[in-house]
Amino acid sequence: MVDHSSLDSSLKLLGSQAFAQQPPDFMDGVWQRAGQLGEIADRRRRAALFSGLFMIGLSAGMGVTGVPYGFGPPPQVVYSDFAAGDQLSPAVLLHVGD
């Protein structure tokens, strides 16, 4: 068995000392600080969620408006390709084939 005389003497010294009494409102302060830390965590979580939703909304808005002028095909070409599609006309969609 290993003899730890220095550890034993340190523990005896600590055991013989009288510790200062904690103030009566010590635990109230601990719980108050715990509540503050919880509020800070909630604030950070809300800020992160808001930032994420903001970025999703911003990217969705940019996707709906299209690409800026000069990048990609002109709008007339895109519209003419869409309007020329015979498969999208109501007559074709409602046509009952044999």
PDB file of N, CA and C in Angstrom:
ATOM      1  N   MET A   1       0.832  -1.167   0.000  1.00  0.00           N
ATOM      2  CA  MET A   1       0.000   0.000   0.000  1.00  0.00           C
ATOM      3  C   MET A   1       0.886   1.242   0.000  1.00  0.00           C
ATOM      4  N   VAL A   2       0.498   2.218  -0.791  1.00  0.00           N
ATOM      5  CA  VAL A   2       1.296   3.429  -0.941  1.00  0.00           C
ATOM      6  C   VAL A   2       0.956   4.397   0.190  1.00  0.00           C
ATOM      7  N   ASP A   3       1.982   4.975   0.772  1.00  0.00           N
ATOM      8  CA  ASP A   3       1.788   5.906   1.872  1.00  0.00           C
ATOM      9  C   ASP A   3       1.902   7.337   1.335  1.00  0.00           C
ATOM     10  N   HIS A   4       0.833   8.092   1.468  1.00  0.00           N
ATOM     11  CA  HIS A   4       0.827   9.492   1.019  1.00  0.00           C
ATOM     12  C   HIS A   4       0.814  10.390   2.245  1.00  0.00           C
ATOM     13  N   SER A   5       1.959  10.558   2.837  1.00  0.00           N
ATOM     14  CA  SER A   5       2.021  11.335   4.075  1.00  0.00           C
ATOM     15  C   SER A   5       1.725  12.818   3.836  1.00  0.00           C
ATOM     16  N   SER A   6       2.150  13.327   2.693  1.00  0.00           N
ATOM     17  CA  SER A   6       1.891  14.746   2.423  1.00  0.00           C
ATOM     18  C   SER A   6       0.400  15.001   2.217  1.00  0.00           C
ATOM     19  N   LEU A   7      -0.294  14.068   1.559  1.00  0.00           N
ATOM     20  CA  LEU A   7      -1.735  14.211   1.358  1.00  0.00           C
ATOM     21  C   LEU A   7      -2.461  14.113   2.700  1.00  0.00           C
ATOM     22  N   ASP A   8      -2.057  13.176   3.522  1.00  0.00           N
ATOM     23  CA  ASP A   8      -2.696  13.023   4.829  1.00  0.00           C
ATOM     24  C   ASP A   8      -2.486  14.259   5.695  1.00  0.00           C
ATOM     25  N   SER A   9      -1.276  14.792   5.682  1.00  0.00           N
ATOM     26  CA  SER A   9      -1.025  15.982   6.496  1.00  0.00           C
ATOM     27  C   SER A   9      -1.800  17.187   5.969  1.00  0.00           C
ATOM     28  N   SER A  10      -1.952  17.293   4.662  1.00  0.00           N
ATOM     29  CA  SER A  10      -2.733  18.399   4.092  1.00  0.00           C
ATOM     30  C   SER A  10      -4.200  18.276   4.459  1.00  0.00           C
ATOM     31  N   LEU A  11      -4.732  17.059   4.429  1.00  0.00           N
ATOM     32  CA  LEU A  11      -6.128  16.849   4.808  1.00  0.00           C
ATOM     33  C   LEU A  11      -6.357  17.133   6.289  1.00  0.00           C
ATOM     34  N   LYS A  12      -5.416  16.777   7.132  1.00  0.00           N
ATOM     35  CA  LYS A  12      -5.543  17.068   8.561  1.00  0.00           C
ATOM     36  C   LYS A  12      -5.502  18.574   8.812  1.00  0.00           C
ATOM     37  N   LEU A  13      -4.639  19.255   8.058  1.00  0.00           N
ATOM     38  CA  LEU A  13      -4.553  20.708   8.205  1.00  0.00           C
ATOM     39  C   LEU A  13      -5.853  21.376   7.775  1.00  0.00           C
ATOM     40  N   LEU A  14      -6.428  20.913   6.665  1.00  0.00           N
ATOM     41  CA  LEU A  14      -7.707  21.467   6.207  1.00  0.00           C
ATOM     42  C   LEU A  14      -8.829  21.148   7.190  1.00  0.00           C
ATOM     43  N   GLY A  15      -8.797  19.960   7.780  1.00  0.00           N
ATOM     44  CA  GLY A  15      -9.831  19.570   8.735  1.00  0.00           C
ATOM     45  C   GLY A  15      -9.777  20.379  10.012  1.00  0.00           C
ATOM     46  N   SER A  16      -8.604  20.844  10.374  1.00  0.00           N
ATOM     47  CA  SER A  16      -8.483  21.594  11.621  1.00  0.00           C
ATOM     48  C   SER A  16      -8.847  23.060  11.463  1.00  0.00           C
ATOM     49  N   GLN A  17      -8.886  23.562  10.247  1.00  0.00           N
ATOM     50  CA  GLN A  17      -9.194  24.982  10.039  1.00  0.00           C
ATOM     51  C   GLN A  17     -10.696  25.221  10.115  1.00  0.00           C
ATOM     52  N   ALA A  18     -11.034  26.353  10.640  1.00  0.00           N
ATOM     53  CA  ALA A  18     -12.441  26.754  10.689  1.00  0.00           C
ATOM     54  C   ALA A  18     -12.750  27.563   9.433  1.00  0.00           C
ATOM     55  N   PHE A  19     -13.766  27.141   8.732  1.00  0.00           N
ATOM     56  CA  PHE A  19     -14.134  27.832   7.505  1.00  0.00           C
ATOM     57  C   PHE A  19     -15.070  28.987   7.808  1.00  0.00           C
ATOM     58  N   ALA A  20     -14.949  30.014   7.010  1.00  0.00           N
ATOM     59  CA  ALA A  20     -15.813  31.188   7.174  1.00  0.00           C
ATOM     60  C   ALA A  20     -17.243  30.802   6.799  1.00  0.00           C
ATOM     61  N   GLN A  21     -18.156  31.318   7.546  1.00  0.00           N
ATOM     62  CA  GLN A  21     -19.561  31.043   7.258  1.00  0.00           C
ATOM     63  C   GLN A  21     -19.988  31.811   6.013  1.00  0.00           C
ATOM     64  N   GLN A  22     -20.769  31.150   5.191  1.00  0.00           N
ATOM     65  CA  GLN A  22     -21.269  31.830   3.995  1.00  0.00           C
ATOM     66  C   GLN A  22     -22.416  32.756   4.378  1.00  0.00           C
ATOM     67  N   PRO A  23     -22.561  33.854   3.635  1.00  0.00           N
ATOM     68  CA  PRO A  23     -23.643  34.783   3.961  1.00  0.00           C
ATOM     69  C   PRO A  23     -25.007  34.123   3.769  1.00  0.00           C
ATOM     70  N   PRO A  24     -26.023  34.608   4.460  1.00  0.00           N
ATOM     71  CA  PRO A  24     -27.343  33.963   4.389  1.00  0.00           C
ATOM     72  C   PRO A  24     -27.978  34.026   3.004  1.00  0.00           C
ATOM     73  N   ASP A  25     -27.622  35.010   2.209  1.00  0.00           N
ATOM     74  CA  ASP A  25     -28.235  35.119   0.879  1.00  0.00           C
ATOM     75  C   ASP A  25     -27.342  34.519  -0.207  1.00  0.00           C
ATOM     76  N   PHE A  26     -26.428  33.639   0.183  1.00  0.00           N
ATOM     77  CA  PHE A  26     -25.507  33.043  -0.785  1.00  0.00           C
ATOM     78  C   PHE A  26     -26.243  32.203  -1.819  1.00  0.00           C
ATOM     79  N   MET A  27     -27.138  31.332  -1.376  1.00  0.00           N
ATOM     80  CA  MET A  27     -27.864  30.453  -2.304  1.00  0.00           C
ATOM     81  C   MET A  27     -28.810  31.252  -3.190  1.00  0.00           C
ATOM     82  N   ASP A  28     -29.361  32.338  -2.694  1.00  0.00           N
ATOM     83  CA  ASP A  28     -30.188  33.196  -3.540  1.00  0.00           C
ATOM     84  C   ASP A  28     -29.359  33.769  -4.686  1.00  0.00           C
ATOM     85  N   GLY A  29     -28.124  34.159  -4.363  1.00  0.00           N
ATOM     86  CA  GLY A  29     -27.235  34.680  -5.402  1.00  0.00           C
ATOM     87  C   GLY A  29     -26.864  33.621  -6.421  1.00  0.00           C
ATOM     88  N   VAL A  30     -26.687  32.389  -5.939  1.00  0.00           N
ATOM     89  CA  VAL A  30     -26.364  31.290  -6.862  1.00  0.00           C
ATOM     90  C   VAL A  30     -27.516  31.062  -7.823  1.00  0.00           C
ATOM     91  N   TRP A  31     -28.748  31.005  -7.305  1.00  0.00           N
ATOM     92  CA  TRP A  31     -29.904  30.768  -8.164  1.00  0.00           C
ATOM     93  C   TRP A  31     -30.167  31.952  -9.092  1.00  0.00           C
ATOM     94  N   GLN A  32     -29.879  33.160  -8.613  1.00  0.00           N
ATOM     95  CA  GLN A  32     -30.043  34.326  -9.471  1.00  0.00           C
ATOM     96  C   GLN A  32     -29.057  34.264 -10.638  1.00  0.00           C
ATOM     97  N   ARG A  33     -27.819  33.883 -10.355  1.00  0.00           N
ATOM     98  CA  ARG A  33     -26.817  33.773 -11.420  1.00  0.00           C
ATOM     99  C   ARG A  33     -27.173  32.641 -12.383  1.00  0.00           C
ATOM    100  N   ALA A  34     -27.705  31.547 -11.876  1.00  0.00           N
ATOM    101  CA  ALA A  34     -28.138  30.455 -12.747  1.00  0.00           C
ATOM    102  C   ALA A  34     -29.262  30.922 -13.675  1.00  0.00           C
ATOM    103  N   GLY A  35     -30.180  31.722 -13.146  1.00  0.00           N
ATOM    104  CA  GLY A  35     -31.254  32.271 -13.985  1.00  0.00           C
ATOM    105  C   GLY A  35     -30.721  33.218 -15.042  1.00  0.00           C
ATOM    106  N   GLN A  36     -29.730  34.024 -14.674  1.00  0.00           N
ATOM    107  CA  GLN A  36     -29.134  34.932 -15.660  1.00  0.00           C
ATOM    108  C   GLN A  36     -28.456  34.159 -16.769  1.00  0.00           C
ATOM    109  N   LEU A  37     -27.747  33.086 -16.414  1.00  0.00           N
ATOM    110  CA  LEU A  37     -27.086  32.272 -17.443  1.00  0.00           C
ATOM    111  C   LEU A  37     -28.112  31.609 -18.361  1.00  0.00           C
ATOM    112  N   GLY A  38     -29.250  31.188 -17.791  1.00  0.00           N
ATOM    113  CA  GLY A  38     -30.320  30.613 -18.613  1.00  0.00           C
ATOM    114  C   GLY A  38     -30.912  31.635 -19.569  1.00  0.00           C
ATOM    115  N   GLU A  39     -31.091  32.867 -19.086  1.00  0.00           N
ATOM    116  CA  GLU A  39     -31.614  33.924 -19.952  1.00  0.00           C
ATOM    117  C   GLU A  39     -30.644  34.241 -21.084  1.00  0.00           C
ATOM    118  N   ILE A  40     -29.356  34.239 -20.791  1.00  0.00           N
ATOM    119  CA  ILE A  40     -28.351  34.500 -21.825  1.00  0.00           C
ATOM    120  C   ILE A  40     -28.388  33.398 -22.878  1.00  0.00           C
ATOM    121  N   ALA A  41     -28.507  32.147 -22.437  1.00  0.00           N
ATOM    122  CA  ALA A  41     -28.582  31.026 -23.384  1.00  0.00           C
ATOM    123  C   ALA A  41     -29.837  31.128 -24.250  1.00  0.00           C
ATOM    124  N   ASP A  42     -30.963  31.494 -23.641  1.00  0.00           N
ATOM    125  CA  ASP A  42     -32.205  31.656 -24.412  1.00  0.00           C
ATOM    126  C   ASP A  42     -32.076  32.787 -25.426  1.00  0.00           C
ATOM    127  N   ARG A  43     -31.445  33.886 -25.014  1.00  0.00           N
ATOM    128  CA  ARG A  43     -31.250  35.013 -25.927  1.00  0.00           C
ATOM    129  C   ARG A  43     -30.383  34.607 -27.124  1.00  0.00           C
ATOM    130  N   ARG A  44     -29.330  33.855 -26.868  1.00  0.00           N
ATOM    131  CA  ARG A  44     -28.461  33.393 -27.961  1.00  0.00           C
ATOM    132  C   ARG A  44     -29.205  32.445 -28.886  1.00  0.00           C
ATOM    133  N   ARG A  45     -30.011  31.555 -28.322  1.00  0.00           N
ATOM    134  CA  ARG A  45     -30.775  30.611 -29.137  1.00  0.00           C
ATOM    135  C   ARG A  45     -31.771  31.355 -30.023  1.00  0.00           C
ATOM    136  N   ARG A  46     -32.462  32.349 -29.458  1.00  0.00           N
ATOM    137  CA  ARG A  46     -33.419  33.129 -30.259  1.00  0.00           C
ATOM    138  C   ARG A  46     -32.708  33.905 -31.360  1.00  0.00           C
ATOM    139  N   ALA A  47     -31.542  34.458 -31.060  1.00  0.00           N
ATOM    140  CA  ALA A  47     -30.781  35.197 -32.077  1.00  0.00           C
ATOM    141  C   ALA A  47     -30.332  34.265 -33.194  1.00  0.00           C
ATOM    142  N   ALA A  48     -29.909  33.058 -32.851  1.00  0.00           N
ATOM    143  CA  ALA A  48     -29.489  32.097 -33.877  1.00  0.00           C
ATOM    144  C   ALA A  48     -30.669  31.674 -34.744  1.00  0.00           C
ATOM    145  N   LEU A  49     -31.816  31.423 -34.125  1.00  0.00           N
ATOM    146  CA  LEU A  49     -33.009  31.054 -34.900  1.00  0.00           C
ATOM    147  C   LEU A  49     -33.456  32.198 -35.801  1.00  0.00           C
ATOM    148  N   PHE A  50     -33.427  33.425 -35.278  1.00  0.00           N
ATOM    149  CA  PHE A  50     -33.804  34.573 -36.089  1.00  0.00           C
ATOM    150  C   PHE A  50     -32.849  34.730 -37.268  1.00  0.00           C
ATOM    151  N   SER A  51     -31.554  34.563 -37.022  1.00  0.00           N
ATOM    152  CA  SER A  51     -30.572  34.693 -38.106  1.00  0.00           C
ATOM    153  C   SER A  51     -30.802  33.629 -39.178  1.00  0.00           C
ATOM    154  N   GLY A  52     -31.069  32.411 -38.734  1.00  0.00           N
ATOM    155  CA  GLY A  52     -31.343  31.340 -39.701  1.00  0.00           C
ATOM    156  C   GLY A  52     -32.581  31.612 -40.524  1.00  0.00           C
ATOM    157  N   LEU A  53     -33.659  32.029 -39.870  1.00  0.00           N
ATOM    158  CA  LEU A  53     -34.889  32.333 -40.610  1.00  0.00           C
ATOM    159  C   LEU A  53     -34.707  33.533 -41.533  1.00  0.00           C
ATOM    160  N   PHE A  54     -33.931  34.512 -41.085  1.00  0.00           N
ATOM    161  CA  PHE A  54     -33.661  35.673 -41.919  1.00  0.00           C
ATOM    162  C   PHE A  54     -32.910  35.263 -43.186  1.00  0.00           C
ATOM    163  N   MET A  55     -31.903  34.410 -43.038  1.00  0.00           N
ATOM    164  CA  MET A  55     -31.134  33.968 -44.199  1.00  0.00           C
ATOM    165  C   MET A  55     -31.982  33.115 -45.136  1.00  0.00           C
ATOM    166  N   ILE A  56     -32.846  32.273 -44.582  1.00  0.00           N
ATOM    167  CA  ILE A  56     -33.726  31.466 -45.425  1.00  0.00           C
ATOM    168  C   ILE A  56     -34.690  32.370 -46.184  1.00  0.00           C
ATOM    169  N   GLY A  57     -35.266  33.346 -45.493  1.00  0.00           N
ATOM    170  CA  GLY A  57     -36.186  34.273 -46.161  1.00  0.00           C
ATOM    171  C   GLY A  57     -35.487  35.113 -47.208  1.00  0.00           C
ATOM    172  N   LEU A  58     -34.285  35.555 -46.907  1.00  0.00           N
ATOM    173  CA  LEU A  58     -33.536  36.356 -47.868  1.00  0.00           C
ATOM    174  C   LEU A  58     -33.180  35.542 -49.097  1.00  0.00           C
ATOM    175  N   SER A  59     -32.738  34.314 -48.914  1.00  0.00           N
ATOM    176  CA  SER A  59     -32.377  33.493 -50.067  1.00  0.00           C
ATOM    177  C   SER A  59     -33.620  33.089 -50.863  1.00  0.00           C
ATOM    178  N   ALA A  60     -34.736  32.850 -50.171  1.00  0.00           N
ATOM    179  CA  ALA A  60     -35.967  32.528 -50.896  1.00  0.00           C
ATOM    180  C   ALA A  60     -36.435  33.731 -51.699  1.00  0.00           C
ATOM    181  N   GLY A  61     -36.311  34.918 -51.137  1.00  0.00           N
ATOM    182  CA  GLY A  61     -36.690  36.125 -51.867  1.00  0.00           C
ATOM    183  C   GLY A  61     -35.809  36.357 -53.080  1.00  0.00           C
ATOM    184  N   MET A  62     -34.529  36.087 -52.936  1.00  0.00           N
ATOM    185  CA  MET A  62     -33.629  36.263 -54.074  1.00  0.00           C
ATOM    186  C   MET A  62     -33.907  35.217 -55.144  1.00  0.00           C
ATOM    187  N   GLY A  63     -34.303  34.015 -54.729  1.00  0.00           N
ATOM    188  CA  GLY A  63     -34.627  32.969 -55.701  1.00  0.00           C
ATOM    189  C   GLY A  63     -35.896  33.275 -56.460  1.00  0.00           C
ATOM    190  N   VAL A  64     -36.837  33.952 -55.843  1.00  0.00           N
ATOM    191  CA  VAL A  64     -38.103  34.279 -56.510  1.00  0.00           C
ATOM    192  C   VAL A  64     -37.915  35.415 -57.514  1.00  0.00           C
ATOM    193  N   THR A  65     -37.096  36.388 -57.163  1.00  0.00           N
ATOM    194  CA  THR A  65     -36.939  37.535 -58.049  1.00  0.00           C
ATOM    195  C   THR A  65     -36.106  37.218 -59.273  1.00  0.00           C
ATOM    196  N   GLY A  66     -35.328  36.178 -59.247  1.00  0.00           N
ATOM    197  CA  GLY A  66     -34.520  35.813 -60.398  1.00  0.00           C
ATOM    198  C   GLY A  66     -33.121  36.376 -60.312  1.00  0.00           C
ATOM    199  N   VAL A  67     -32.404  36.210 -61.400  1.00  0.00           N
ATOM    200  CA  VAL A  67     -31.013  36.663 -61.439  1.00  0.00           C
ATOM    201  C   VAL A  67     -30.963  38.119 -61.872  1.00  0.00           C
ATOM    202  N   PRO A  68     -29.940  38.848 -61.467  1.00  0.00           N
ATOM    203  CA  PRO A  68     -29.825  40.245 -61.886  1.00  0.00           C
ATOM    204  C   PRO A  68     -29.663  40.385 -63.396  1.00  0.00           C
ATOM    205  N   TYR A  69     -29.946  41.586 -63.903  1.00  0.00           N
ATOM    206  CA  TYR A  69     -29.856  41.843 -65.330  1.00  0.00           C
ATOM    207  C   TYR A  69     -28.423  41.629 -65.808  1.00  0.00           C
ATOM    208  N   GLY A  70     -28.275  40.970 -66.924  1.00  0.00           N
ATOM    209  CA  GLY A  70     -26.964  40.714 -67.494  1.00  0.00           C
ATOM    210  C   GLY A  70     -26.414  39.348 -67.135  1.00  0.00           C
ATOM    211  N   PHE A  71     -27.014  38.676 -66.183  1.00  0.00           N
ATOM    212  CA  PHE A  71     -26.581  37.337 -65.813  1.00  0.00           C
ATOM    213  C   PHE A  71     -27.650  36.352 -66.248  1.00  0.00           C
ATOM    214  N   GLY A  72     -27.314  35.458 -67.129  1.00  0.00           N
ATOM    215  CA  GLY A  72     -28.269  34.460 -67.571  1.00  0.00           C
ATOM    216  C   GLY A  72     -29.037  34.940 -68.802  1.00  0.00           C
ATOM    217  N   PRO A  73     -30.001  34.143 -69.260  1.00  0.00           N
ATOM    218  CA  PRO A  73     -30.762  34.493 -70.456  1.00  0.00           C
ATOM    219  C   PRO A  73     -31.698  35.664 -70.202  1.00  0.00           C
ATOM    220  N   PRO A  74     -31.993  36.441 -71.241  1.00  0.00           N
ATOM    221  CA  PRO A  74     -32.933  37.555 -71.068  1.00  0.00           C
ATOM    222  C   PRO A  74     -34.331  37.041 -70.706  1.00  0.00           C
ATOM    223  N   PRO A  75     -35.134  37.852 -70.009  1.00  0.00           N
ATOM    224  CA  PRO A  75     -36.470  37.394 -69.582  1.00  0.00           C
ATOM    225  C   PRO A  75     -37.385  37.045 -70.755  1.00  0.00           C
ATOM    226  N   GLN A  76     -37.230  37.720 -71.892  1.00  0.00           N
ATOM    227  CA  GLN A  76     -38.104  37.417 -73.021  1.00  0.00           C
ATOM    228  C   GLN A  76     -37.877  35.992 -73.521  1.00  0.00           C
ATOM    229  N   VAL A  77     -36.632  35.544 -73.531  1.00  0.00           N
ATOM    230  CA  VAL A  77     -36.331  34.190 -73.990  1.00  0.00           C
ATOM    231  C   VAL A  77     -36.930  33.176 -73.030  1.00  0.00           C
ATOM    232  N   VAL A  78     -36.816  33.420 -71.754  1.00  0.00           N
ATOM    233  CA  VAL A  78     -37.367  32.503 -70.769  1.00  0.00           C
ATOM    234  C   VAL A  78     -38.883  32.473 -70.892  1.00  0.00           C
ATOM    235  N   TYR A  79     -39.508  33.633 -71.060  1.00  0.00           N
ATOM    236  CA  TYR A  79     -40.960  33.680 -71.176  1.00  0.00           C
ATOM    237  C   TYR A  79     -41.421  33.004 -72.467  1.00  0.00           C
ATOM    238  N   SER A  80     -40.710  33.248 -73.567  1.00  0.00           N
ATOM    239  CA  SER A  80     -41.128  32.647 -74.837  1.00  0.00           C
ATOM    240  C   SER A  80     -40.973  31.132 -74.791  1.00  0.00           C
ATOM    241  N   ASP A  81     -39.943  30.631 -74.104  1.00  0.00           N
ATOM    242  CA  ASP A  81     -39.796  29.185 -73.952  1.00  0.00           C
ATOM    243  C   ASP A  81     -40.939  28.617 -73.115  1.00  0.00           C
ATOM    244  N   PHE A  82     -41.358  29.338 -72.103  1.00  0.00           N
ATOM    245  CA  PHE A  82     -42.436  28.874 -71.253  1.00  0.00           C
ATOM    246  C   PHE A  82     -43.775  28.942 -71.990  1.00  0.00           C
ATOM    247  N   ALA A  83     -44.013  30.035 -72.703  1.00  0.00           N
ATOM    248  CA  ALA A  83     -45.292  30.214 -73.394  1.00  0.00           C
ATOM    249  C   ALA A  83     -45.414  29.292 -74.604  1.00  0.00           C
ATOM    250  N   ALA A  84     -44.306  28.890 -75.191  1.00  0.00           N
ATOM    251  CA  ALA A  84     -44.368  28.046 -76.384  1.00  0.00           C
ATOM    252  C   ALA A  84     -44.648  26.591 -76.035  1.00  0.00           C
ATOM    253  N   GLY A  85     -44.626  26.240 -74.767  1.00  0.00           N
ATOM    254  CA  GLY A  85     -44.848  24.847 -74.385  1.00  0.00           C
ATOM    255  C   GLY A  85     -46.302  24.459 -74.590  1.00  0.00           C
ATOM    256  N   ASP A  86     -46.562  23.582 -75.569  1.00  0.00           N
ATOM    257  CA  ASP A  86     -47.933  23.147 -75.858  1.00  0.00           C
ATOM    258  C   ASP A  86     -48.462  22.220 -74.769  1.00  0.00           C
ATOM    259  N   GLN A  87     -47.559  21.602 -74.046  1.00  0.00           N
ATOM    260  CA  GLN A  87     -48.001  20.660 -73.015  1.00  0.00           C
ATOM    261  C   GLN A  87     -48.656  21.370 -71.839  1.00  0.00           C
ATOM    262  N   LEU A  88     -48.450  22.678 -71.706  1.00  0.00           N
ATOM    263  CA  LEU A  88     -48.991  23.390 -70.566  1.00  0.00           C
ATOM    264  C   LEU A  88     -50.324  24.073 -70.849  1.00  0.00           C
ATOM    265  N   SER A  89     -50.830  23.989 -72.060  1.00  0.00           N
ATOM    266  CA  SER A  89     -52.091  24.649 -72.360  1.00  0.00           C
ATOM    267  C   SER A  89     -53.248  23.878 -71.719  1.00  0.00           C
ATOM    268  N   PRO A  90     -54.313  24.584 -71.313  1.00  0.00           N
ATOM    269  CA  PRO A  90     -55.445  23.904 -70.678  1.00  0.00           C
ATOM    270  C   PRO A  90     -56.134  22.911 -71.615  1.00  0.00           C
ATOM    271  N   ALA A  91     -56.125  23.212 -72.912  1.00  0.00           N
ATOM    272  CA  ALA A  91     -56.776  22.294 -73.850  1.00  0.00           C
ATOM    273  C   ALA A  91     -56.070  20.943 -73.862  1.00  0.00           C
ATOM    274  N   VAL A  92     -54.770  20.936 -73.796  1.00  0.00           N
ATOM    275  CA  VAL A  92     -54.023  19.677 -73.791  1.00  0.00           C
ATOM    276  C   VAL A  92     -54.198  18.956 -72.450  1.00  0.00           C
ATOM    277  N   LEU A  93     -54.206  19.729 -71.358  1.00  0.00           N
ATOM    278  CA  LEU A  93     -54.340  19.097 -70.062  1.00  0.00           C
ATOM    279  C   LEU A  93     -55.731  18.516 -69.846  1.00  0.00           C
ATOM    280  N   LEU A  94     -56.770  19.116 -70.449  1.00  0.00           N
ATOM    281  CA  LEU A  94     -58.129  18.623 -70.283  1.00  0.00           C
ATOM    282  C   LEU A  94     -58.541  17.639 -71.372  1.00  0.00           C
ATOM    283  N   HIS A  95     -57.688  17.438 -72.354  1.00  0.00           N
ATOM    284  CA  HIS A  95     -58.020  16.547 -73.479  1.00  0.00           C
ATOM    285  C   HIS A  95     -58.036  15.099 -72.997  1.00  0.00           C
ATOM    286  N   VAL A  96     -59.115  14.416 -73.296  1.00  0.00           N
ATOM    287  CA  VAL A  96     -59.238  13.003 -72.959  1.00  0.00           C
ATOM    288  C   VAL A  96     -58.902  12.228 -74.202  1.00  0.00           C
ATOM    289  N   GLY A  97     -57.826  11.476 -74.135  1.00  0.00           N
ATOM    290  CA  GLY A  97     -57.374  10.705 -75.296  1.00  0.00           C
ATOM    291  C   GLY A  97     -58.001   9.320 -75.351  1.00  0.00           C
ATOM    292  N   ASP A  98     -57.992   8.745 -76.542  1.00  0.00           N
ATOM    293  CA  ASP A  98     -58.549   7.393 -76.729  1.00  0.00           C
ATOM    294  C   ASP A  98     -57.522   6.352 -76.376  1.00  0.00           C
TER     295      ASP A  98
END
